[in-house]
Amino acid sequence: MLAQEITHYIKKPQEGDNVVIKLDMAKAYDRVSWAFTCIAMRTMGFGEVFIDLVWRIMSNNWYSVIVNGSRHGFFHSTRGLKQGDPLSPVLFILGAEVLSRMLNLLHQDQNYKGFHMQIGGPQINHLCFADDVIIFTAATRSSLQLIMKTLSTYEAVSDQSINKENSHFMVPTNTPMETIDMSIPIHTMASISPPKTTLNYIKRVTTDFFWGWDKEKKKYHWASWETLSYPYEEGGIGVRKLEDICKALQIKQWWNFRTKNSLWSQFLRAKYCQRSNPIAKKWDTGQSLVWKYMMKNKTIIEPHITWRVHFGNRLFWWDDWLGEGQFA
């Protein structure tokens, strides 16, 4: 959701020429360098005994090739992590942390211009989730050259390889294409809120599963959809309505925004609230759909939120302290 909110700036050319780059790592687990992983662990302060144990686990990889149903010999691997090993995701993230720190160091370069964001909020130039990396930067030649240099350095030291054919970028509609020197297709970020057509399609597939055709015979319509949605205790089978699930997830977004100091909540506060209380804000034309849904669901959940009284010096007038509404 944070990635979608940041890319909302792309639709506002007056905010500056920004670019979003989504990287695809080619065979990320299979290309992990053992030596690079150990060097990264040593740099982060891990003990030599622990590093030696990890090395023995990583390097104990032997493979056999099956040809025409028969296994032929064994050969030793020189890199890569075992699929299914609970330690592998942690070791992979250690390597990705190196890339993350390299990208963060770009802010110290005078020739680097970051993604235009709200002043006072967190300055984010990338997001990582497993082997997916999204980079946010300004669409200037110097900034893009620094990013490409950083990625090339990371590829050289880690043995990772970026699949440029499956990577994507997103730029404002008024950005000259000659500014971006990358031969990769434009990618449109997907919305987190599924449209009604998608929900209706999923419901139709589910309905066919219960009451559709079994070969050439129509299934027995033994209960209504409303009955199936009831809990087990009330005679249903606990099939939840998709609309209710989407509404619950959207309401939970507002709850997390109000109660947690996460990175995306800090970003939204700086972008839309500034110094105002979120309760006092309304959705305006041109703001993102995420914020629109949050403002809409705010009226549903706020009457059910009460605050534990402590000092009361920050949120006194706008929050519901006694369960009887706001003072303001």
Protein backbone atom coordinates (compact mmCIF):
# COMPACT_ATOMS: atom_id res chain seq x y z
CA MET A 1 0.00 0.00 0.00
CA LEU A 2 2.88 2.36 0.72
CA ALA A 3 4.23 1.72 -2.78
CA GLN A 4 0.87 2.58 -4.31
CA GLU A 5 0.62 5.77 -2.24
CA ILE A 6 4.08 6.90 -3.30
CA THR A 7 3.36 6.23 -6.97
CA HIS A 8 0.33 8.52 -6.63
CA TYR A 9 2.82 11.38 -7.01
CA ILE A 10 3.45 10.15 -10.55
CA LYS A 11 0.01 11.44 -11.53
CA LYS A 12 0.93 14.98 -10.44
CA PRO A 13 3.43 16.46 -12.91
CA GLN A 14 3.68 19.64 -10.83
CA GLU A 15 5.28 17.61 -8.05
CA GLY A 16 8.37 17.05 -10.20
CA ASP A 17 9.68 14.44 -12.61
CA ASN A 18 9.69 11.21 -10.65
CA VAL A 19 10.27 7.64 -11.74
CA VAL A 20 9.41 4.30 -10.12
CA ILE A 21 11.56 1.27 -10.97
CA LYS A 22 10.46 -2.26 -10.15
CA LEU A 23 13.31 -4.78 -10.26
CA ASP A 24 13.04 -8.48 -10.96
CA MET A 25 15.90 -10.62 -9.65
CA ALA A 26 16.69 -13.58 -11.90
CA LYS A 27 16.66 -16.84 -9.90
CA ALA A 28 17.32 -14.92 -6.70
CA TYR A 29 17.81 -17.91 -4.36
CA ASP A 30 19.88 -19.93 -6.82
CA ARG A 31 22.40 -17.13 -7.38
CA VAL A 32 23.26 -16.26 -3.77
CA SER A 33 27.03 -16.15 -3.29
CA TRP A 34 28.22 -17.99 -0.20
CA ALA A 35 31.34 -15.86 0.16
CA PHE A 36 29.30 -12.66 -0.15
CA THR A 37 26.86 -13.88 2.50
CA CYS A 38 29.67 -14.63 4.94
CA ILE A 39 31.32 -11.26 4.31
CA ALA A 40 27.99 -9.52 4.91
CA MET A 41 27.49 -11.42 8.18
CA ARG A 42 31.03 -10.60 9.31
CA THR A 43 30.49 -6.91 8.53
CA MET A 44 27.26 -6.92 10.53
CA GLY A 45 29.05 -8.31 13.58
CA PHE A 46 28.21 -12.00 13.57
CA GLY A 47 30.68 -14.26 15.37
CA GLU A 48 33.14 -16.41 13.47
CA VAL A 49 31.82 -19.63 15.01
CA PHE A 50 28.30 -18.86 13.83
CA ILE A 51 29.53 -17.81 10.38
CA ASP A 52 31.43 -21.11 10.08
CA LEU A 53 28.27 -23.05 10.95
CA VAL A 54 26.29 -21.15 8.33
CA TRP A 55 29.03 -21.76 5.76
CA ARG A 56 28.93 -25.51 6.40
CA ILE A 57 25.15 -25.52 5.97
CA MET A 58 25.24 -23.52 2.74
CA SER A 59 28.14 -25.37 1.14
CA ASN A 60 26.78 -28.84 1.88
CA ASN A 61 24.84 -28.89 -1.38
CA TRP A 62 25.04 -31.89 -3.68
CA TYR A 63 22.87 -32.51 -6.72
CA SER A 64 22.12 -35.46 -8.95
CA VAL A 65 20.75 -35.43 -12.49
CA ILE A 66 17.93 -37.78 -13.50
CA VAL A 67 18.14 -38.84 -17.15
CA ASN A 68 15.50 -41.20 -18.59
CA GLY A 69 14.32 -42.04 -15.10
CA SER A 70 17.78 -42.98 -13.80
CA ARG A 71 19.94 -40.94 -11.44
CA HIS A 72 23.47 -40.27 -12.62
CA GLY A 73 26.18 -39.25 -10.17
CA PHE A 74 26.49 -36.26 -7.85
CA PHE A 75 28.05 -32.85 -8.32
CA HIS A 76 28.79 -30.14 -5.80
CA SER A 77 27.14 -26.72 -5.98
CA THR A 78 29.19 -23.51 -5.76
CA ARG A 79 26.45 -21.06 -4.82
CA GLY A 80 22.74 -20.78 -4.05
CA LEU A 81 20.46 -21.50 -1.10
CA LYS A 82 18.35 -24.58 -0.45
CA GLN A 83 14.66 -24.20 -1.22
CA GLY A 84 12.56 -25.04 1.83
CA ASP A 85 15.37 -24.55 4.33
CA PRO A 86 14.06 -22.22 7.11
CA LEU A 87 17.47 -20.54 7.26
CA SER A 88 17.50 -19.64 3.55
CA PRO A 89 15.07 -16.67 3.72
CA VAL A 90 17.11 -15.11 6.53
CA LEU A 91 20.37 -15.47 4.62
CA PHE A 92 18.77 -14.04 1.50
CA ILE A 93 17.47 -11.02 3.42
CA LEU A 94 20.99 -10.42 4.77
CA GLY A 95 22.18 -10.04 1.19
CA ALA A 96 19.23 -7.83 0.31
CA GLU A 97 20.08 -5.65 3.31
CA VAL A 98 23.39 -4.83 1.63
CA LEU A 99 21.53 -3.54 -1.44
CA SER A 100 19.18 -1.57 0.80
CA ARG A 101 22.07 0.17 2.55
CA MET A 102 23.78 0.90 -0.75
CA LEU A 103 20.62 2.59 -2.03
CA ASN A 104 20.25 4.58 1.19
CA LEU A 105 23.82 5.87 0.82
CA LEU A 106 22.80 7.56 -2.44
CA HIS A 107 21.24 10.38 -0.40
CA GLN A 108 24.77 11.42 0.62
CA ASP A 109 25.78 12.01 -3.01
CA GLN A 110 25.32 15.61 -4.16
CA ASN A 111 24.50 14.46 -7.69
CA TYR A 112 21.60 12.31 -6.51
CA LYS A 113 18.11 13.76 -6.47
CA GLY A 114 15.51 11.69 -4.71
CA PHE A 115 11.84 11.10 -5.35
CA HIS A 116 9.82 14.24 -4.63
CA MET A 117 7.89 13.63 -1.42
CA GLN A 118 6.11 15.67 1.21
CA ILE A 119 8.46 17.82 3.29
CA GLY A 120 8.52 16.65 6.89
CA GLY A 121 7.66 13.05 6.08
CA PRO A 122 9.97 10.05 5.70
CA GLN A 123 12.15 10.20 2.58
CA ILE A 124 11.89 6.78 0.94
CA ASN A 125 13.96 5.82 -2.08
CA HIS A 126 13.18 2.09 -2.14
CA LEU A 127 11.03 -0.68 -0.71
CA CYS A 128 12.01 -4.35 -0.48
CA PHE A 129 9.90 -7.44 0.07
CA ALA A 130 11.73 -10.75 -0.32
CA ASP A 131 13.25 -10.64 -3.83
CA ASP A 132 11.08 -7.74 -5.02
CA VAL A 133 12.67 -4.27 -5.04
CA ILE A 134 10.91 -1.01 -5.93
CA ILE A 135 13.08 2.09 -6.31
CA PHE A 136 11.77 5.67 -6.17
CA THR A 137 13.94 8.42 -7.61
CA ALA A 138 13.92 11.60 -9.65
CA ALA A 139 13.93 11.30 -13.43
CA THR A 140 17.30 12.98 -13.84
CA ARG A 141 20.21 11.51 -15.75
CA SER A 142 22.63 11.80 -12.82
CA SER A 143 20.24 10.09 -10.38
CA LEU A 144 19.48 7.23 -12.74
CA GLN A 145 23.16 6.75 -13.55
CA LEU A 146 23.98 6.52 -9.83
CA ILE A 147 21.24 3.95 -9.34
CA MET A 148 22.42 1.86 -12.29
CA LYS A 149 25.99 2.06 -10.98
CA THR A 150 24.82 0.92 -7.54
CA LEU A 151 22.90 -2.00 -9.04
CA SER A 152 25.86 -3.02 -11.19
CA THR A 153 28.14 -2.97 -8.14
CA TYR A 154 25.67 -5.09 -6.20
CA GLU A 155 25.46 -7.60 -9.06
CA ALA A 156 29.25 -7.85 -9.20
CA VAL A 157 29.81 -8.49 -5.49
CA SER A 158 26.75 -10.65 -4.76
CA ASP A 159 26.47 -12.72 -7.98
CA GLN A 160 22.83 -11.61 -8.20
CA SER A 161 21.47 -10.73 -11.64
CA ILE A 162 18.70 -8.27 -12.47
CA ASN A 163 16.36 -9.48 -15.18
CA LYS A 164 15.96 -6.25 -17.14
CA GLU A 165 13.44 -7.79 -19.54
CA ASN A 166 11.01 -8.48 -16.69
CA SER A 167 11.73 -5.27 -14.78
CA HIS A 168 9.48 -2.26 -15.19
CA PHE A 169 9.40 1.48 -14.68
CA MET A 170 6.70 4.11 -14.33
CA VAL A 171 7.06 7.82 -15.18
CA PRO A 172 4.72 10.83 -15.46
CA THR A 173 2.94 11.27 -18.76
CA ASN A 174 4.85 14.48 -19.51
CA THR A 175 8.34 13.02 -18.93
CA PRO A 176 10.47 12.93 -22.13
CA MET A 177 11.32 9.31 -22.86
CA GLU A 178 14.86 10.25 -23.85
CA THR A 179 15.42 11.10 -20.17
CA ILE A 180 15.09 7.43 -19.25
CA ASP A 181 17.85 5.34 -20.78
CA MET A 182 16.42 1.92 -19.96
CA SER A 183 14.88 -0.46 -22.51
CA ILE A 184 12.14 -1.92 -20.30
CA PRO A 185 8.36 -1.73 -20.70
CA ILE A 186 6.06 0.60 -18.78
CA HIS A 187 4.27 -1.09 -15.92
CA THR A 188 1.07 0.11 -14.27
CA MET A 189 0.82 -0.59 -10.57
CA ALA A 190 -2.24 -2.54 -9.56
CA SER A 191 -4.84 -1.15 -7.21
CA ILE A 192 -5.19 -2.69 -3.77
CA SER A 193 -9.00 -2.38 -3.87
CA PRO A 194 -10.45 -4.94 -6.30
CA PRO A 195 -13.15 -3.58 -8.63
CA LYS A 196 -16.70 -4.89 -8.47
CA THR A 197 -16.22 -6.82 -11.70
CA THR A 198 -13.41 -8.81 -10.08
CA LEU A 199 -15.48 -9.49 -6.96
CA ASN A 200 -18.44 -10.60 -9.09
CA TYR A 201 -16.18 -12.95 -11.06
CA ILE A 202 -14.83 -14.56 -7.89
CA LYS A 203 -18.37 -14.93 -6.55
CA ARG A 204 -19.47 -16.53 -9.83
CA VAL A 205 -16.63 -19.06 -9.66
CA THR A 206 -17.50 -19.85 -6.04
CA THR A 207 -21.17 -20.20 -6.92
CA ASP A 208 -20.36 -22.63 -9.74
CA PHE A 209 -18.33 -24.69 -7.28
CA PHE A 210 -21.37 -25.12 -5.00
CA TRP A 211 -24.28 -25.11 -7.46
CA GLY A 212 -22.82 -25.38 -10.95
CA TRP A 213 -22.55 -28.41 -13.20
CA ASP A 214 -20.82 -31.66 -12.31
CA LYS A 215 -19.96 -33.17 -15.69
CA GLU A 216 -23.40 -33.24 -17.36
CA LYS A 217 -25.48 -33.06 -14.20
CA LYS A 218 -26.45 -29.88 -12.40
CA LYS A 219 -25.56 -29.83 -8.72
CA TYR A 220 -28.27 -29.72 -6.06
CA HIS A 221 -29.01 -26.21 -4.78
CA TRP A 222 -29.03 -27.23 -1.12
CA ALA A 223 -28.63 -23.82 0.55
CA SER A 224 -28.67 -20.13 -0.29
CA TRP A 225 -25.56 -17.96 -0.37
CA GLU A 226 -26.86 -16.10 2.68
CA THR A 227 -27.07 -19.36 4.63
CA LEU A 228 -23.55 -20.40 3.63
CA SER A 229 -22.24 -17.11 5.00
CA TYR A 230 -23.46 -17.93 8.51
CA PRO A 231 -20.97 -19.31 11.09
CA TYR A 232 -20.91 -23.03 11.81
CA GLU A 233 -22.82 -22.48 15.05
CA GLU A 234 -25.71 -20.91 13.13
CA GLY A 235 -26.03 -23.55 10.42
CA GLY A 236 -23.63 -22.15 7.82
CA ILE A 237 -20.18 -23.21 6.68
CA GLY A 238 -18.37 -19.94 7.36
CA VAL A 239 -18.03 -18.76 3.75
CA ARG A 240 -17.43 -15.05 4.18
CA LYS A 241 -18.77 -12.46 1.78
CA LEU A 242 -16.06 -10.85 -0.31
CA GLU A 243 -17.55 -7.41 0.24
CA ASP A 244 -17.34 -7.90 4.02
CA ILE A 245 -13.73 -9.07 3.77
CA CYS A 246 -12.73 -6.03 1.70
CA LYS A 247 -14.57 -3.69 4.07
CA ALA A 248 -12.90 -5.27 7.11
CA LEU A 249 -9.44 -4.94 5.57
CA GLN A 250 -10.08 -1.30 4.66
CA ILE A 251 -11.29 -0.52 8.18
CA LYS A 252 -8.22 -2.24 9.60
CA GLN A 253 -6.08 0.11 7.50
CA TRP A 254 -7.56 3.07 9.36
CA TRP A 255 -7.05 1.32 12.70
CA ASN A 256 -3.38 0.67 11.94
CA PHE A 257 -3.00 4.23 10.69
CA ARG A 258 -4.37 5.63 13.95
CA THR A 259 -2.67 3.29 16.40
CA LYS A 260 0.71 2.41 14.87
CA ASN A 261 3.71 4.53 13.98
CA SER A 262 4.71 2.48 10.95
CA LEU A 263 6.53 3.81 7.91
CA TRP A 264 3.43 4.04 5.73
CA SER A 265 1.39 5.77 8.46
CA GLN A 266 4.15 8.36 8.90
CA PHE A 267 4.13 8.91 5.16
CA LEU A 268 0.35 9.39 4.99
CA ARG A 269 0.34 11.79 7.93
CA ALA A 270 3.02 13.93 6.34
CA LYS A 271 1.29 13.85 2.96
CA TYR A 272 -2.31 14.52 3.94
CA CYS A 273 -2.47 15.65 7.56
CA GLN A 274 0.62 17.82 8.09
CA ARG A 275 -0.04 19.23 11.58
CA SER A 276 -3.79 18.56 11.57
CA ASN A 277 -5.53 15.71 13.31
CA PRO A 278 -6.66 12.95 10.89
CA ILE A 279 -10.19 13.22 12.29
CA ALA A 280 -10.47 16.76 10.92
CA LYS A 281 -9.33 15.85 7.40
CA LYS A 282 -11.54 15.15 4.39
CA TRP A 283 -10.87 13.66 1.00
CA ASP A 284 -10.25 16.19 -1.76
CA THR A 285 -10.27 15.71 -5.51
CA GLY A 286 -6.87 14.60 -6.76
CA GLN A 287 -5.92 12.67 -3.63
CA SER A 288 -5.28 8.94 -3.84
CA LEU A 289 -7.94 6.23 -3.72
CA VAL A 290 -6.28 4.76 -0.64
CA TRP A 291 -6.87 7.98 1.27
CA LYS A 292 -10.40 8.23 -0.16
CA TYR A 293 -11.34 4.81 1.20
CA MET A 294 -9.71 5.58 4.54
CA MET A 295 -11.67 8.83 4.87
CA LYS A 296 -14.86 6.98 3.97
CA ASN A 297 -14.28 4.21 6.51
CA LYS A 298 -13.17 6.68 9.17
CA THR A 299 -16.80 7.50 9.93
CA ILE A 300 -17.53 3.81 10.48
CA ILE A 301 -14.76 2.92 12.90
CA GLU A 302 -14.15 6.15 14.82
CA PRO A 303 -17.36 5.89 16.92
CA HIS A 304 -16.06 2.52 18.15
CA ILE A 305 -12.58 3.76 19.14
CA THR A 306 -11.90 4.97 22.67
CA TRP A 307 -8.58 6.11 24.07
CA ARG A 308 -6.93 5.29 27.35
CA VAL A 309 -6.36 8.50 29.26
CA HIS A 310 -2.71 9.38 29.89
CA PHE A 311 -1.44 12.95 29.54
CA GLY A 312 -3.95 14.10 26.94
CA ASN A 313 -1.69 16.86 25.66
CA ARG A 314 -1.50 15.80 22.00
CA LEU A 315 -4.86 14.38 20.98
CA PHE A 316 -7.13 16.00 23.54
CA TRP A 317 -9.74 17.76 21.41
CA TRP A 318 -10.25 15.33 18.56
CA ASP A 319 -10.14 11.86 20.12
CA ASP A 320 -12.95 10.04 21.87
CA TRP A 321 -11.67 9.76 25.45
CA LEU A 322 -14.92 8.86 27.21
CA GLY A 323 -16.78 7.00 24.47
CA GLU A 324 -19.23 9.88 23.99
CA GLY A 325 -17.62 11.56 20.99
CA GLN A 326 -14.93 14.15 20.38
CA PHE A 327 -14.72 17.40 22.34
CA ALA A 328 -14.08 19.46 19.20
